[in-house]
Amino acid sequence: MVRKIAGATRIPVPGGKVIDEYVGRVNTGDDQVSIAHMAAPAGWEEPAQTPEFTEYTLVLRGTVVVEHEEGTTEVRAGEAITTLPGEKIRYTVGPEGAEYVAVCLPAFSPETVNRDE
């Protein structure tokens, strides 16, 4: 069955980052996949996390910086990165901020992201 999604639900996040979820637990009730458009201002960062889901990130503008066990990877506009469940990672953005799309399998949830305090 075809299902059109008329718009996103904005999820509030500290630090000036904007998350617009199109598909996922909040906007459509899907727990198998989440698809969100993100915009983060220059200087944005979040604590390290060890998620229980695979995340595919496609950078549309700017740079997303991913810290992981092997080092640091800069993902620029037009590039993508995949992170796997159980891998400790930390996201920040470059000096110009970033705009990107994140797809999580299964869907993102605060209970399965496992952020460091």
Protein backbone atom coordinates (compact mmCIF):
# COMPACT_ATOMS: atom_id res chain seq x y z
CA MET A 1 0.00 0.00 0.00
CA VAL A 2 1.28 3.47 -0.89
CA ARG A 3 1.42 5.95 1.97
CA LYS A 4 2.18 9.61 1.33
CA ILE A 5 3.78 11.48 4.23
CA ALA A 6 2.65 15.08 4.06
CA GLY A 7 5.37 16.51 6.29
CA ALA A 8 7.75 15.99 9.15
CA THR A 9 7.51 16.29 12.91
CA ARG A 10 10.13 18.61 14.41
CA ILE A 11 11.86 16.98 17.37
CA PRO A 12 13.33 19.44 19.88
CA VAL A 13 17.03 19.03 20.60
CA PRO A 14 19.39 21.16 22.70
CA GLY A 15 22.27 23.05 21.12
CA GLY A 16 20.49 24.54 18.12
CA LYS A 17 20.27 21.36 16.03
CA VAL A 18 16.99 20.84 14.16
CA ILE A 19 15.59 17.35 13.52
CA ASP A 20 12.66 16.94 11.14
CA GLU A 21 11.55 13.31 11.23
CA TYR A 22 9.68 12.18 8.13
CA VAL A 23 9.52 8.46 8.89
CA GLY A 24 9.99 6.94 12.33
CA ARG A 25 8.57 6.38 15.76
CA VAL A 26 7.41 9.99 16.28
CA ASN A 27 5.98 11.06 12.91
CA THR A 28 4.60 7.83 11.43
CA GLY A 29 4.83 5.23 14.20
CA ASP A 30 7.35 3.14 12.24
CA ASP A 31 9.80 1.23 14.41
CA GLN A 32 11.68 -0.53 11.59
CA VAL A 33 13.23 2.57 9.98
CA SER A 34 13.59 6.27 10.63
CA ILE A 35 14.38 8.96 8.06
CA ALA A 36 15.15 12.45 9.28
CA HIS A 37 16.46 15.72 7.87
CA MET A 38 18.92 17.41 10.23
CA ALA A 39 20.47 20.87 10.36
CA ALA A 40 23.20 21.64 12.88
CA PRO A 41 24.82 25.04 13.42
CA ALA A 42 28.56 25.65 13.50
CA GLY A 43 30.02 24.39 16.77
CA TRP A 44 27.27 21.82 17.40
CA GLU A 45 28.34 18.60 19.09
CA GLU A 46 26.75 15.79 21.06
CA PRO A 47 28.00 13.25 23.62
CA ALA A 48 29.42 9.93 22.48
CA GLN A 49 26.89 7.16 21.96
CA THR A 50 26.80 3.41 21.36
CA PRO A 51 23.59 2.95 19.36
CA GLU A 52 21.73 -0.33 18.86
CA PHE A 53 20.93 0.54 15.23
CA THR A 54 22.73 1.02 11.93
CA GLU A 55 22.82 4.66 10.84
CA TYR A 56 23.30 5.86 7.27
CA THR A 57 24.13 9.57 7.02
CA LEU A 58 24.10 11.53 3.75
CA VAL A 59 25.61 15.02 4.03
CA LEU A 60 23.86 17.65 1.92
CA ARG A 61 25.77 20.77 3.06
CA GLY A 62 28.80 21.38 5.27
CA THR A 63 30.73 18.69 7.12
CA VAL A 64 29.71 16.06 9.65
CA VAL A 65 32.61 14.83 11.79
CA VAL A 66 32.34 11.30 13.20
CA GLU A 67 34.70 10.24 15.99
CA HIS A 68 35.01 6.46 16.31
CA GLU A 69 37.42 3.79 17.62
CA GLU A 70 39.62 3.97 14.50
CA GLY A 71 39.91 7.77 14.59
CA THR A 72 37.95 10.64 13.07
CA THR A 73 36.17 10.75 9.71
CA GLU A 74 35.06 13.98 8.05
CA VAL A 75 32.05 13.52 5.79
CA ARG A 76 31.50 16.42 3.38
CA ALA A 77 28.57 17.45 1.19
CA GLY A 78 27.88 14.74 -1.38
CA GLU A 79 29.40 12.00 0.80
CA ALA A 80 27.86 9.47 3.15
CA ILE A 81 28.91 7.31 6.11
CA THR A 82 27.52 4.17 7.74
CA THR A 83 27.91 3.39 11.44
CA LEU A 84 27.06 -0.02 12.89
CA PRO A 85 25.24 -1.09 16.05
CA GLY A 86 27.48 -1.39 19.10
CA GLU A 87 30.11 0.98 17.68
CA LYS A 88 30.94 3.92 19.97
CA ILE A 89 30.68 7.13 17.94
CA ARG A 90 30.43 10.86 18.50
CA TYR A 91 29.01 13.40 16.03
CA THR A 92 30.09 17.02 15.64
CA VAL A 93 29.98 19.38 12.66
CA GLY A 94 32.55 21.51 10.88
CA PRO A 95 32.93 25.29 11.22
CA GLU A 96 30.19 25.95 8.65
CA GLY A 97 27.65 23.65 10.32
CA ALA A 98 25.94 20.86 8.39
CA GLU A 99 22.70 19.74 6.81
CA TYR A 100 22.19 16.02 6.39
CA VAL A 101 19.76 13.12 6.15
CA ALA A 102 19.96 10.23 8.62
CA VAL A 103 18.39 6.82 8.07
CA CYS A 104 18.35 4.42 11.04
CA LEU A 105 17.57 0.68 10.98
CA PRO A 106 15.72 -0.12 13.17
CA ALA A 107 14.23 3.30 13.84
CA PHE A 108 16.01 5.74 16.17
CA SER A 109 14.78 5.87 19.75
CA PRO A 110 16.20 7.62 22.81
CA GLU A 111 16.25 4.24 24.59
CA THR A 112 18.50 2.59 21.96
CA VAL A 113 20.97 5.41 21.26
CA ASN A 114 22.83 4.85 24.57
CA ARG A 115 24.40 8.32 24.91
CA ASP A 116 27.20 8.90 27.38
CA GLU A 117 26.25 11.17 30.28
